[in-house]
Amino acid sequence: MWLDSSRVTLDGAGHTVTGTQTDGYDHICVQTCTQCHTMEIKDLTITKFAYGITSNYAQGLSITDVTVRNTGNSAMYISGADGLHLENNDVDGGLYVTGHNAHHGKGDRSCNGTGEYGSPSITIKNNHVIGGLGISDGTGWCIEGNTISNIKSITFSSWILISYQAI
């Protein structure tokens, strides 16, 4: 599914999307358009894809109550995030978020962000992550209340404000 414009909500309403393969780099369940804004993905289960959700330079992206299972490369891969809100997701296969540079991925150290467009807040809260967790090239992010298990890799660089993480 390609979210091809700004101001789009994908409400899965509890449904499951099942792919046919977990290898390769082009078998993606949900991909946002580059540099779009005000997008929401919620209440969806994704299984059997190479990537569950990918996004490049989105502004105002909110991903909540999404379950991703059986991915070959990464459950969620978010690059160049700004105004990002990831909360209450159940991710098996890795969660990777990259801020990119001084203009993308600079948070305001607030844990109150909702993923709104134009907001400097980046919140990664109350997610269950199985496998790898990669967070890089950002500052002032709120990363709080996440549970990380069956760790294959963890990468953290250039960020501030972490609350309790169960590992």
Foldseek 3Di string as FASTA:
>chain_A
DEQEAAQEEAEQVQEEDEDDAQDDDPFEQYEYDAQHEQYEYENYEYEHTQEDYEYHQYALYEYAHYEYDHHNAADYAYELAALYHYAHYETEGEHAYEQHEPVGAEAPLDQPGRSHGPHREHEHEQYEYEEEYHYYDHENYEYEHYEYPPYPYYYDDHYDHYDDYHD
